[in-house]
PDB file of N, CA and C in Angstrom:
ATOM      1  N   MET A   1     157.237 112.370 145.196  1.00  0.00           N
ATOM      2  CA  MET A   1     158.375 111.842 145.906  1.00  0.00           C
ATOM      3  C   MET A   1     157.984 110.610 146.708  1.00  0.00           C
ATOM      4  N   LEU A   2     156.743 110.590 147.171  1.00  0.00           N
ATOM      5  CA  LEU A   2     156.281 109.448 147.944  1.00  0.00           C
ATOM      6  C   LEU A   2     156.311 108.180 147.101  1.00  0.00           C
ATOM      7  N   LEU A   3     155.932 108.298 145.824  1.00  0.00           N
ATOM      8  CA  LEU A   3     155.956 107.144 144.933  1.00  0.00           C
ATOM      9  C   LEU A   3     157.373 106.589 144.794  1.00  0.00           C
ATOM     10  N   GLY A   4     158.366 107.467 144.629  1.00  0.00           N
ATOM     11  CA  GLY A   4     159.749 107.015 144.525  1.00  0.00           C
ATOM     12  C   GLY A   4     160.229 106.345 145.796  1.00  0.00           C
ATOM     13  N   LEU A   5     159.834 106.882 146.962  1.00  0.00           N
ATOM     14  CA  LEU A   5     160.229 106.270 148.226  1.00  0.00           C
ATOM     15  C   LEU A   5     159.581 104.907 148.420  1.00  0.00           C
ATOM     16  N   ILE A   6     158.315 104.765 148.018  1.00  0.00           N
ATOM     17  CA  ILE A   6     157.630 103.474 148.141  1.00  0.00           C
ATOM     18  C   ILE A   6     158.303 102.436 147.251  1.00  0.00           C
ATOM     19  N   ILE A   7     158.621 102.814 146.019  1.00  0.00           N
ATOM     20  CA  ILE A   7     159.285 101.875 145.111  1.00  0.00           C
ATOM     21  C   ILE A   7     160.650 101.499 145.658  1.00  0.00           C
ATOM     22  N   TYR A   8     161.392 102.466 146.165  1.00  0.00           N
ATOM     23  CA  TYR A   8     162.725 102.199 146.708  1.00  0.00           C
ATOM     24  C   TYR A   8     162.654 101.254 147.913  1.00  0.00           C
ATOM     25  N   SER A   9     161.692 101.480 148.796  1.00  0.00           N
ATOM     26  CA  SER A   9     161.628 100.666 150.005  1.00  0.00           C
ATOM     27  C   SER A   9     161.104  99.253 149.723  1.00  0.00           C
ATOM     28  N   THR A  10     160.276  99.081 148.712  1.00  0.00           N
ATOM     29  CA  THR A  10     159.746  97.746 148.436  1.00  0.00           C
ATOM     30  C   THR A  10     160.689  96.917 147.577  1.00  0.00           C
ATOM     31  N   ILE A  11     161.354  97.516 146.628  1.00  0.00           N
ATOM     32  CA  ILE A  11     162.215  96.751 145.724  1.00  0.00           C
ATOM     33  C   ILE A  11     163.603  96.560 146.313  1.00  0.00           C
ATOM     34  N   ASN A  12     164.167  97.610 146.887  1.00  0.00           N
ATOM     35  CA  ASN A  12     165.555  97.548 147.350  1.00  0.00           C
ATOM     36  C   ASN A  12     165.579  97.347 148.856  1.00  0.00           C
ATOM     37  N   LYS A  13     165.578  96.101 149.279  1.00  0.00           N
ATOM     38  CA  LYS A  13     165.543  95.814 150.708  1.00  0.00           C
ATOM     39  C   LYS A  13     166.941  95.649 151.306  1.00  0.00           C
ATOM     40  N   ASP A  14     167.961  95.423 150.462  1.00  0.00           N
ATOM     41  CA  ASP A  14     169.300  95.235 151.007  1.00  0.00           C
ATOM     42  C   ASP A  14     169.994  96.577 151.225  1.00  0.00           C
ATOM     43  N   LYS A  15     171.021  96.553 152.042  1.00  0.00           N
ATOM     44  CA  LYS A  15     171.770  97.771 152.367  1.00  0.00           C
ATOM     45  C   LYS A  15     172.807  98.037 151.280  1.00  0.00           C
ATOM     46  N   TYR A  16     173.403  99.207 151.358  1.00  0.00           N
ATOM     47  CA  TYR A  16     174.477  99.531 150.426  1.00  0.00           C
ATOM     48  C   TYR A  16     175.683  98.645 150.701  1.00  0.00           C
ATOM     49  N   SER A  17     176.454  98.402 149.668  1.00  0.00           N
ATOM     50  CA  SER A  17     177.664  97.602 149.857  1.00  0.00           C
ATOM     51  C   SER A  17     178.719  98.436 150.574  1.00  0.00           C
ATOM     52  N   ASP A  18     179.684  97.741 151.182  1.00  0.00           N
ATOM     53  CA  ASP A  18     180.741  98.438 151.914  1.00  0.00           C
ATOM     54  C   ASP A  18     181.594  99.289 150.989  1.00  0.00           C
ATOM     55  N   LYS A  19     181.763  98.874 149.760  1.00  0.00           N
ATOM     56  CA  LYS A  19     182.600  99.622 148.820  1.00  0.00           C
ATOM     57  C   LYS A  19     181.966 100.965 148.456  1.00  0.00           C
ATOM     58  N   SER A  20     180.665 101.030 148.407  1.00  0.00           N
ATOM     59  CA  SER A  20     180.017 102.261 147.975  1.00  0.00           C
ATOM     60  C   SER A  20     180.014 103.333 149.056  1.00  0.00           C
ATOM     61  N   VAL A  21     180.219 102.950 150.303  1.00  0.00           N
ATOM     62  CA  VAL A  21     180.208 103.917 151.398  1.00  0.00           C
ATOM     63  C   VAL A  21     181.558 104.615 151.516  1.00  0.00           C
ATOM     64  N   ARG A  22     182.634 103.868 151.320  1.00  0.00           N
ATOM     65  CA  ARG A  22     183.973 104.416 151.484  1.00  0.00           C
ATOM     66  C   ARG A  22     184.504 104.942 150.158  1.00  0.00           C
ATOM     67  N   ILE A  23     185.218 106.043 150.226  1.00  0.00           N
ATOM     68  CA  ILE A  23     185.821 106.624 149.029  1.00  0.00           C
ATOM     69  C   ILE A  23     187.246 106.095 148.929  1.00  0.00           C
ATOM     70  N   ALA A  24     187.488 105.291 147.911  1.00  0.00           N
ATOM     71  CA  ALA A  24     188.808 104.684 147.762  1.00  0.00           C
ATOM     72  C   ALA A  24     189.796 105.638 147.086  1.00  0.00           C
ATOM     73  N   ASP A  25     189.332 106.405 146.138  1.00  0.00           N
ATOM     74  CA  ASP A  25     190.221 107.316 145.419  1.00  0.00           C
ATOM     75  C   ASP A  25     189.677 108.739 145.544  1.00  0.00           C
ATOM     76  N   LYS A  26     190.321 109.503 146.371  1.00  0.00           N
ATOM     77  CA  LYS A  26     189.891 110.869 146.611  1.00  0.00           C
ATOM     78  C   LYS A  26     190.291 111.754 145.437  1.00  0.00           C
ATOM     79  N   ILE A  27     189.695 112.928 145.384  1.00  0.00           N
ATOM     80  CA  ILE A  27     189.959 113.846 144.280  1.00  0.00           C
ATOM     81  C   ILE A  27     191.394 114.365 144.376  1.00  0.00           C
ATOM     82  N   LYS A  28     192.036 114.473 143.222  1.00  0.00           N
ATOM     83  CA  LYS A  28     193.428 114.906 143.159  1.00  0.00           C
ATOM     84  C   LYS A  28     193.489 116.396 142.839  1.00  0.00           C
ATOM     85  N   HIS A  29     194.681 116.978 143.030  1.00  0.00           N
ATOM     86  CA  HIS A  29     194.848 118.417 142.827  1.00  0.00           C
ATOM     87  C   HIS A  29     194.551 118.818 141.377  1.00  0.00           C
ATOM     88  N   GLY A  30     194.984 118.014 140.425  1.00  0.00           N
ATOM     89  CA  GLY A  30     194.711 118.317 139.018  1.00  0.00           C
ATOM     90  C   GLY A  30     193.229 118.299 138.694  1.00  0.00           C
ATOM     91  N   GLU A  31     192.499 117.408 139.344  1.00  0.00           N
ATOM     92  CA  GLU A  31     191.056 117.343 139.121  1.00  0.00           C
ATOM     93  C   GLU A  31     190.351 118.551 139.724  1.00  0.00           C
ATOM     94  N   ILE A  32     190.869 119.060 140.837  1.00  0.00           N
ATOM     95  CA  ILE A  32     190.275 120.252 141.448  1.00  0.00           C
ATOM     96  C   ILE A  32     190.421 121.454 140.523  1.00  0.00           C
ATOM     97  N   SER A  33     191.606 121.621 139.935  1.00  0.00           N
ATOM     98  CA  SER A  33     191.798 122.752 139.025  1.00  0.00           C
ATOM     99  C   SER A  33     190.922 122.610 137.784  1.00  0.00           C
ATOM    100  N   LYS A  34     190.687 121.383 137.341  1.00  0.00           N
ATOM    101  CA  LYS A  34     189.783 121.155 136.205  1.00  0.00           C
ATOM    102  C   LYS A  34     188.353 121.545 136.571  1.00  0.00           C
ATOM    103  N   LEU A  35     187.919 121.199 137.779  1.00  0.00           N
ATOM    104  CA  LEU A  35     186.578 121.569 138.231  1.00  0.00           C
ATOM    105  C   LEU A  35     186.431 123.084 138.368  1.00  0.00           C
ATOM    106  N   ILE A  36     187.468 123.738 138.874  1.00  0.00           N
ATOM    107  CA  ILE A  36     187.419 125.198 138.995  1.00  0.00           C
ATOM    108  C   ILE A  36     187.327 125.841 137.619  1.00  0.00           C
ATOM    109  N   ALA A  37     188.070 125.318 136.650  1.00  0.00           N
ATOM    110  CA  ALA A  37     188.008 125.851 135.291  1.00  0.00           C
ATOM    111  C   ALA A  37     186.622 125.656 134.682  1.00  0.00           C
ATOM    112  N   GLN A  38     186.008 124.503 134.915  1.00  0.00           N
ATOM    113  CA  GLN A  38     184.652 124.270 134.416  1.00  0.00           C
ATOM    114  C   GLN A  38     183.655 125.216 135.067  1.00  0.00           C
ATOM    115  N   PHE A  39     183.813 125.462 136.363  1.00  0.00           N
ATOM    116  CA  PHE A  39     182.929 126.383 137.071  1.00  0.00           C
ATOM    117  C   PHE A  39     183.066 127.801 136.522  1.00  0.00           C
ATOM    118  N   ILE A  40     184.296 128.222 136.241  1.00  0.00           N
ATOM    119  CA  ILE A  40     184.513 129.552 135.668  1.00  0.00           C
ATOM    120  C   ILE A  40     183.904 129.630 134.270  1.00  0.00           C
ATOM    121  N   ASP A  41     184.009 128.567 133.489  1.00  0.00           N
ATOM    122  CA  ASP A  41     183.377 128.541 132.160  1.00  0.00           C
ATOM    123  C   ASP A  41     181.868 128.700 132.265  1.00  0.00           C
ATOM    124  N   ILE A  42     181.260 128.008 133.226  1.00  0.00           N
ATOM    125  CA  ILE A  42     179.812 128.104 133.411  1.00  0.00           C
ATOM    126  C   ILE A  42     179.411 129.517 133.824  1.00  0.00           C
ATOM    127  N   LEU A  43     180.203 130.141 134.694  1.00  0.00           N
ATOM    128  CA  LEU A  43     179.918 131.525 135.086  1.00  0.00           C
ATOM    129  C   LEU A  43     180.019 132.479 133.900  1.00  0.00           C
ATOM    130  N   CYS A  44     181.019 132.278 133.054  1.00  0.00           N
ATOM    131  CA  CYS A  44     181.172 133.134 131.869  1.00  0.00           C
ATOM    132  C   CYS A  44     179.980 132.978 130.922  1.00  0.00           C
ATOM    133  N   VAL A  45     179.540 131.746 130.724  1.00  0.00           N
ATOM    134  CA  VAL A  45     178.369 131.521 129.865  1.00  0.00           C
ATOM    135  C   VAL A  45     177.135 132.190 130.474  1.00  0.00           C
ATOM    136  N   GLY A  46     176.985 132.105 131.796  1.00  0.00           N
ATOM    137  CA  GLY A  46     175.861 132.759 132.462  1.00  0.00           C
ATOM    138  C   GLY A  46     175.881 134.266 132.274  1.00  0.00           C
ATOM    139  N   PHE A  47     177.064 134.861 132.416  1.00  0.00           N
ATOM    140  CA  PHE A  47     177.166 136.306 132.207  1.00  0.00           C
ATOM    141  C   PHE A  47     176.917 136.683 130.746  1.00  0.00           C
ATOM    142  N   LEU A  48     177.355 135.840 129.820  1.00  0.00           N
ATOM    143  CA  LEU A  48     177.074 136.106 128.405  1.00  0.00           C
ATOM    144  C   LEU A  48     175.580 136.048 128.114  1.00  0.00           C
ATOM    145  N   ILE A  49     174.905 135.103 128.730  1.00  0.00           N
ATOM    146  CA  ILE A  49     173.452 135.012 128.540  1.00  0.00           C
ATOM    147  C   ILE A  49     172.767 136.251 129.101  1.00  0.00           C
ATOM    148  N   LEU A  50     173.178 136.684 130.279  1.00  0.00           N
ATOM    149  CA  LEU A  50     172.591 137.897 130.859  1.00  0.00           C
ATOM    150  C   LEU A  50     172.904 139.124 130.012  1.00  0.00           C
ATOM    151  N   PHE A  51     174.121 139.214 129.487  1.00  0.00           N
ATOM    152  CA  PHE A  51     174.479 140.333 128.621  1.00  0.00           C
ATOM    153  C   PHE A  51     173.635 140.328 127.351  1.00  0.00           C
ATOM    154  N   ALA A  52     173.445 139.136 126.747  1.00  0.00           N
ATOM    155  CA  ALA A  52     172.625 139.043 125.532  1.00  0.00           C
ATOM    156  C   ALA A  52     171.175 139.412 125.824  1.00  0.00           C
ATOM    157  N   MET A  53     170.683 138.996 126.974  1.00  0.00           N
ATOM    158  CA  MET A  53     169.305 139.366 127.340  1.00  0.00           C
ATOM    159  C   MET A  53     169.188 140.877 127.521  1.00  0.00           C
ATOM    160  N   ASN A  54     170.196 141.496 128.116  1.00  0.00           N
ATOM    161  CA  ASN A  54     170.178 142.937 128.290  1.00  0.00           C
ATOM    162  C   ASN A  54     170.281 143.647 126.935  1.00  0.00           C
ATOM    163  N   TYR A  55     171.096 143.117 126.046  1.00  0.00           N
ATOM    164  CA  TYR A  55     171.279 143.716 124.728  1.00  0.00           C
ATOM    165  C   TYR A  55     169.983 143.683 123.923  1.00  0.00           C
ATOM    166  N   PHE A  56     169.222 142.595 124.023  1.00  0.00           N
ATOM    167  CA  PHE A  56     167.964 142.469 123.287  1.00  0.00           C
ATOM    168  C   PHE A  56     166.756 142.958 124.080  1.00  0.00           C
ATOM    169  N   ASN A  57     166.985 143.620 125.188  1.00  0.00           N
ATOM    170  CA  ASN A  57     165.937 144.214 126.029  1.00  0.00           C
ATOM    171  C   ASN A  57     164.898 143.202 126.514  1.00  0.00           C
ATOM    172  N   VAL A  58     165.349 142.018 126.878  1.00  0.00           N
ATOM    173  CA  VAL A  58     164.450 141.015 127.455  1.00  0.00           C
ATOM    174  C   VAL A  58     164.882 140.644 128.863  1.00  0.00           C
ATOM    175  N   LEU A  59     165.726 141.478 129.456  1.00  0.00           N
ATOM    176  CA  LEU A  59     166.203 141.221 130.815  1.00  0.00           C
ATOM    177  C   LEU A  59     165.199 141.794 131.802  1.00  0.00           C
ATOM    178  N   ASN A  60     164.286 140.937 132.254  1.00  0.00           N
ATOM    179  CA  ASN A  60     163.325 141.338 133.270  1.00  0.00           C
ATOM    180  C   ASN A  60     163.193 140.206 134.288  1.00  0.00           C
ATOM    181  N   SER A  61     162.443 140.460 135.327  1.00  0.00           N
ATOM    182  CA  SER A  61     162.367 139.473 136.410  1.00  0.00           C
ATOM    183  C   SER A  61     161.723 138.164 135.961  1.00  0.00           C
ATOM    184  N   LYS A  62     160.751 138.232 135.070  1.00  0.00           N
ATOM    185  CA  LYS A  62     160.088 137.011 134.604  1.00  0.00           C
ATOM    186  C   LYS A  62     161.064 136.114 133.848  1.00  0.00           C
ATOM    187  N   ASN A  63     161.890 136.698 132.991  1.00  0.00           N
ATOM    188  CA  ASN A  63     162.856 135.895 132.236  1.00  0.00           C
ATOM    189  C   ASN A  63     164.004 135.398 133.110  1.00  0.00           C
ATOM    190  N   ILE A  64     164.376 136.167 134.128  1.00  0.00           N
ATOM    191  CA  ILE A  64     165.409 135.699 135.051  1.00  0.00           C
ATOM    192  C   ILE A  64     164.903 134.497 135.847  1.00  0.00           C
ATOM    193  N   ILE A  65     163.656 134.552 136.280  1.00  0.00           N
ATOM    194  CA  ILE A  65     163.065 133.407 136.983  1.00  0.00           C
ATOM    195  C   ILE A  65     162.990 132.194 136.058  1.00  0.00           C
ATOM    196  N   LEU A  66     162.686 132.434 134.787  1.00  0.00           N
ATOM    197  CA  LEU A  66     162.669 131.344 133.815  1.00  0.00           C
ATOM    198  C   LEU A  66     164.060 130.724 133.669  1.00  0.00           C
ATOM    199  N   LEU A  67     165.102 131.547 133.606  1.00  0.00           N
ATOM    200  CA  LEU A  67     166.471 131.033 133.523  1.00  0.00           C
ATOM    201  C   LEU A  67     166.852 130.226 134.756  1.00  0.00           C
ATOM    202  N   ILE A  68     166.474 130.724 135.921  1.00  0.00           N
ATOM    203  CA  ILE A  68     166.767 129.998 137.158  1.00  0.00           C
ATOM    204  C   ILE A  68     166.052 128.647 137.169  1.00  0.00           C
ATOM    205  N   THR A  69     164.812 128.629 136.720  1.00  0.00           N
ATOM    206  CA  THR A  69     164.050 127.375 136.662  1.00  0.00           C
ATOM    207  C   THR A  69     164.698 126.386 135.704  1.00  0.00           C
ATOM    208  N   ILE A  70     165.146 126.875 134.553  1.00  0.00           N
ATOM    209  CA  ILE A  70     165.817 125.998 133.588  1.00  0.00           C
ATOM    210  C   ILE A  70     167.099 125.428 134.191  1.00  0.00           C
ATOM    211  N   CYS A  71     167.866 126.258 134.888  1.00  0.00           N
ATOM    212  CA  CYS A  71     169.096 125.783 135.528  1.00  0.00           C
ATOM    213  C   CYS A  71     168.793 124.761 136.620  1.00  0.00           C
ATOM    214  N   ILE A  72     167.730 125.000 137.387  1.00  0.00           N
ATOM    215  CA  ILE A  72     167.370 124.077 138.458  1.00  0.00           C
ATOM    216  C   ILE A  72     167.004 122.706 137.896  1.00  0.00           C
ATOM    217  N   ILE A  73     166.465 122.665 136.701  1.00  0.00           N
ATOM    218  CA  ILE A  73     166.109 121.387 136.084  1.00  0.00           C
ATOM    219  C   ILE A  73     167.305 120.758 135.380  1.00  0.00           C
ATOM    220  N   LEU A  74     168.109 121.560 134.689  1.00  0.00           N
ATOM    221  CA  LEU A  74     169.209 121.001 133.900  1.00  0.00           C
ATOM    222  C   LEU A  74     170.394 120.528 134.738  1.00  0.00           C
ATOM    223  N   ILE A  75     170.661 121.179 135.856  1.00  0.00           N
ATOM    224  CA  ILE A  75     171.810 120.774 136.680  1.00  0.00           C
ATOM    225  C   ILE A  75     171.645 119.345 137.212  1.00  0.00           C
ATOM    226  N   PRO A  76     170.498 118.975 137.796  1.00  0.00           N
ATOM    227  CA  PRO A  76     170.357 117.565 138.223  1.00  0.00           C
ATOM    228  C   PRO A  76     170.351 116.576 137.063  1.00  0.00           C
ATOM    229  N   VAL A  77     169.809 116.982 135.901  1.00  0.00           N
ATOM    230  CA  VAL A  77     169.834 116.082 134.747  1.00  0.00           C
ATOM    231  C   VAL A  77     171.276 115.781 134.362  1.00  0.00           C
ATOM    232  N   TYR A  78     172.120 116.798 134.320  1.00  0.00           N
ATOM    233  CA  TYR A  78     173.545 116.596 134.027  1.00  0.00           C
ATOM    234  C   TYR A  78     174.207 115.752 135.122  1.00  0.00           C
ATOM    235  N   TYR A  79     173.846 116.023 136.350  1.00  0.00           N
ATOM    236  CA  TYR A  79     174.403 115.284 137.487  1.00  0.00           C
ATOM    237  C   TYR A  79     174.056 113.797 137.399  1.00  0.00           C
ATOM    238  N   PHE A  80     172.791 113.487 137.117  1.00  0.00           N
ATOM    239  CA  PHE A  80     172.382 112.090 136.985  1.00  0.00           C
ATOM    240  C   PHE A  80     173.062 111.430 135.789  1.00  0.00           C
ATOM    241  N   TYR A  81     173.175 112.157 134.685  1.00  0.00           N
ATOM    242  CA  TYR A  81     173.850 111.621 133.505  1.00  0.00           C
ATOM    243  C   TYR A  81     175.298 111.269 133.835  1.00  0.00           C
ATOM    244  N   THR A  82     175.978 112.153 134.557  1.00  0.00           N
ATOM    245  CA  THR A  82     177.363 111.913 134.937  1.00  0.00           C
ATOM    246  C   THR A  82     177.470 110.706 135.862  1.00  0.00           C
ATOM    247  N   MET A  83     176.548 110.581 136.802  1.00  0.00           N
ATOM    248  CA  MET A  83     176.594 109.442 137.723  1.00  0.00           C
ATOM    249  C   MET A  83     176.314 108.127 137.002  1.00  0.00           C
ATOM    250  N   LEU A  84     175.366 108.110 136.094  1.00  0.00           N
ATOM    251  CA  LEU A  84     175.038 106.870 135.396  1.00  0.00           C
ATOM    252  C   LEU A  84     176.146 106.427 134.456  1.00  0.00           C
ATOM    253  N   ASN A  85     176.904 107.361 133.916  1.00  0.00           N
ATOM    254  CA  ASN A  85     177.959 107.007 132.971  1.00  0.00           C
ATOM    255  C   ASN A  85     179.344 106.976 133.606  1.00  0.00           C
ATOM    256  N   GLY A  86     179.429 107.112 134.922  1.00  0.00           N
ATOM    257  CA  GLY A  86     180.724 107.105 135.599  1.00  0.00           C
ATOM    258  C   GLY A  86     181.335 105.718 135.651  1.00  0.00           C
ATOM    259  N   ASP A  87     182.658 105.672 135.505  1.00  0.00           N
ATOM    260  CA  ASP A  87     183.373 104.391 135.543  1.00  0.00           C
ATOM    261  C   ASP A  87     183.562 103.887 136.961  1.00  0.00           C
ATOM    262  N   LYS A  88     183.589 104.786 137.928  1.00  0.00           N
ATOM    263  CA  LYS A  88     183.897 104.410 139.301  1.00  0.00           C
ATOM    264  C   LYS A  88     182.670 103.985 140.101  1.00  0.00           C
ATOM    265  N   ILE A  89     181.505 104.005 139.488  1.00  0.00           N
ATOM    266  CA  ILE A  89     180.273 103.672 140.195  1.00  0.00           C
ATOM    267  C   ILE A  89     179.905 102.225 139.898  1.00  0.00           C
ATOM    268  N   GLU A  90     179.611 101.485 140.945  1.00  0.00           N
ATOM    269  CA  GLU A  90     179.272 100.076 140.793  1.00  0.00           C
ATOM    270  C   GLU A  90     177.864  99.914 140.220  1.00  0.00           C
ATOM    271  N   LYS A  91     177.603  98.705 139.747  1.00  0.00           N
ATOM    272  CA  LYS A  91     176.308  98.418 139.129  1.00  0.00           C
ATOM    273  C   LYS A  91     175.167  98.558 140.133  1.00  0.00           C
ATOM    274  N   SER A  92     175.387  98.145 141.381  1.00  0.00           N
ATOM    275  CA  SER A  92     174.318  98.261 142.387  1.00  0.00           C
ATOM    276  C   SER A  92     174.014  99.728 142.693  1.00  0.00           C
ATOM    277  N   ASP A  93     175.049 100.565 142.688  1.00  0.00           N
ATOM    278  CA  ASP A  93     174.823 101.987 142.925  1.00  0.00           C
ATOM    279  C   ASP A  93     174.113 102.643 141.743  1.00  0.00           C
ATOM    280  N   LYS A  94     174.428 102.182 140.529  1.00  0.00           N
ATOM    281  CA  LYS A  94     173.749 102.728 139.350  1.00  0.00           C
ATOM    282  C   LYS A  94     172.262 102.414 139.381  1.00  0.00           C
ATOM    283  N   SER A  95     171.910 101.237 139.891  1.00  0.00           N
ATOM    284  CA  SER A  95     170.486 100.918 139.983  1.00  0.00           C
ATOM    285  C   SER A  95     169.800 101.780 141.032  1.00  0.00           C
ATOM    286  N   ASN A  96     170.529 102.173 142.067  1.00  0.00           N
ATOM    287  CA  ASN A  96     169.947 103.056 143.081  1.00  0.00           C
ATOM    288  C   ASN A  96     169.752 104.476 142.557  1.00  0.00           C
ATOM    289  N   ILE A  97     170.549 104.870 141.579  1.00  0.00           N
ATOM    290  CA  ILE A  97     170.417 106.213 141.006  1.00  0.00           C
ATOM    291  C   ILE A  97     169.060 106.380 140.346  1.00  0.00           C
ATOM    292  N   TRP A  98     168.527 105.310 139.791  1.00  0.00           N
ATOM    293  CA  TRP A  98     167.213 105.402 139.136  1.00  0.00           C
ATOM    294  C   TRP A  98     166.126 105.815 140.133  1.00  0.00           C
ATOM    295  N   TYR A  99     166.272 105.434 141.397  1.00  0.00           N
ATOM    296  CA  TYR A  99     165.302 105.865 142.409  1.00  0.00           C
ATOM    297  C   TYR A  99     165.398 107.364 142.652  1.00  0.00           C
ATOM    298  N   TYR A 100     166.625 107.894 142.632  1.00  0.00           N
ATOM    299  CA  TYR A 100     166.783 109.340 142.771  1.00  0.00           C
ATOM    300  C   TYR A 100     166.212 110.080 141.569  1.00  0.00           C
ATOM    301  N   ILE A 101     166.334 109.469 140.391  1.00  0.00           N
ATOM    302  CA  ILE A 101     165.754 110.090 139.196  1.00  0.00           C
ATOM    303  C   ILE A 101     164.235 110.132 139.321  1.00  0.00           C
ATOM    304  N   LEU A 102     163.638 109.053 139.824  1.00  0.00           N
ATOM    305  CA  LEU A 102     162.188 109.063 140.056  1.00  0.00           C
ATOM    306  C   LEU A 102     161.789 110.143 141.059  1.00  0.00           C
ATOM    307  N   LEU A 103     162.557 110.288 142.121  1.00  0.00           N
ATOM    308  CA  LEU A 103     162.278 111.335 143.104  1.00  0.00           C
ATOM    309  C   LEU A 103     162.405 112.719 142.485  1.00  0.00           C
ATOM    310  N   PHE A 104     163.398 112.906 141.623  1.00  0.00           N
ATOM    311  CA  PHE A 104     163.580 114.192 140.962  1.00  0.00           C
ATOM    312  C   PHE A 104     162.406 114.505 140.039  1.00  0.00           C
ATOM    313  N   ILE A 105     161.983 113.515 139.262  1.00  0.00           N
ATOM    314  CA  ILE A 105     160.847 113.729 138.355  1.00  0.00           C
ATOM    315  C   ILE A 105     159.585 114.045 139.145  1.00  0.00           C
ATOM    316  N   ASP A 106     159.374 113.323 140.242  1.00  0.00           N
ATOM    317  CA  ASP A 106     158.213 113.614 141.089  1.00  0.00           C
ATOM    318  C   ASP A 106     158.288 115.023 141.663  1.00  0.00           C
ATOM    319  N   GLY A 107     159.467 115.432 142.081  1.00  0.00           N
ATOM    320  CA  GLY A 107     159.635 116.780 142.620  1.00  0.00           C
ATOM    321  C   GLY A 107     159.365 117.850 141.588  1.00  0.00           C
ATOM    322  N   VAL A 108     159.829 117.632 140.358  1.00  0.00           N
ATOM    323  CA  VAL A 108     159.586 118.602 139.282  1.00  0.00           C
ATOM    324  C   VAL A 108     158.099 118.683 138.969  1.00  0.00           C
ATOM    325  N   LEU A 109     157.441 117.525 138.920  1.00  0.00           N
ATOM    326  CA  LEU A 109     156.003 117.528 138.634  1.00  0.00           C
ATOM    327  C   LEU A 109     155.208 118.219 139.743  1.00  0.00           C
ATOM    328  N   CYS A 110     155.560 117.965 141.001  1.00  0.00           N
ATOM    329  CA  CYS A 110     154.876 118.630 142.114  1.00  0.00           C
ATOM    330  C   CYS A 110     155.133 120.123 142.104  1.00  0.00           C
ATOM    331  N   PHE A 111     156.363 120.522 141.795  1.00  0.00           N
ATOM    332  CA  PHE A 111     156.706 121.941 141.714  1.00  0.00           C
ATOM    333  C   PHE A 111     155.904 122.618 140.605  1.00  0.00           C
ATOM    334  N   GLY A 112     155.807 121.944 139.448  1.00  0.00           N
ATOM    335  CA  GLY A 112     155.039 122.507 138.339  1.00  0.00           C
ATOM    336  C   GLY A 112     153.561 122.601 138.667  1.00  0.00           C
ATOM    337  N   ALA A 113     153.017 121.580 139.317  1.00  0.00           N
ATOM    338  CA  ALA A 113     151.597 121.612 139.686  1.00  0.00           C
ATOM    339  C   ALA A 113     151.334 122.700 140.725  1.00  0.00           C
ATOM    340  N   PHE A 114     152.247 122.874 141.678  1.00  0.00           N
ATOM    341  CA  PHE A 114     152.080 123.889 142.693  1.00  0.00           C
ATOM    342  C   PHE A 114     152.135 125.293 142.085  1.00  0.00           C
ATOM    343  N   ASN A 115     153.077 125.513 141.166  1.00  0.00           N
ATOM    344  CA  ASN A 115     153.186 126.829 140.535  1.00  0.00           C
ATOM    345  C   ASN A 115     151.990 127.136 139.649  1.00  0.00           C
ATOM    346  N   ASN A 116     151.492 126.147 138.924  1.00  0.00           N
ATOM    347  CA  ASN A 116     150.330 126.386 138.065  1.00  0.00           C
ATOM    348  C   ASN A 116     149.083 126.647 138.879  1.00  0.00           C
ATOM    349  N   LYS A 117     148.987 126.071 140.054  1.00  0.00           N
ATOM    350  CA  LYS A 117     147.802 126.262 140.891  1.00  0.00           C
ATOM    351  C   LYS A 117     147.727 127.670 141.443  1.00  0.00           C
ATOM    352  N   TYR A 118     148.874 128.257 141.778  1.00  0.00           N
ATOM    353  CA  TYR A 118     148.874 129.556 142.447  1.00  0.00           C
ATOM    354  C   TYR A 118     149.295 130.716 141.544  1.00  0.00           C
ATOM    355  N   GLN A 119     149.265 130.527 140.252  1.00  0.00           N
ATOM    356  CA  GLN A 119     149.579 131.654 139.350  1.00  0.00           C
ATOM    357  C   GLN A 119     148.340 132.238 138.748  1.00  0.00           C
TER     358      GLN A 119
END
């Protein structure tokens, strides 16, 4: 994470633009119901995965921790993908997202090194 912070502080010396701080178009009621439906879909898929693991007798603590680890890695990847491909995000903000991606990669590598050291 230190590497990402050093790169961010040396390359990006200017502040955020005024447009990126203020939210011009807030979320609408229809978008909220769409998000709730997506969340319910994700929960259903999670329960199906747990049911399948139980059916095949592989539902144990080690595999549950593995699933949690996979989710912890995939959720930010999806989040970054959504931010980079969003229409409402300015070009300067998209360039700042790359610094967060570097921080995320550094965090994953440190987490992996820490877990391998103490297992």
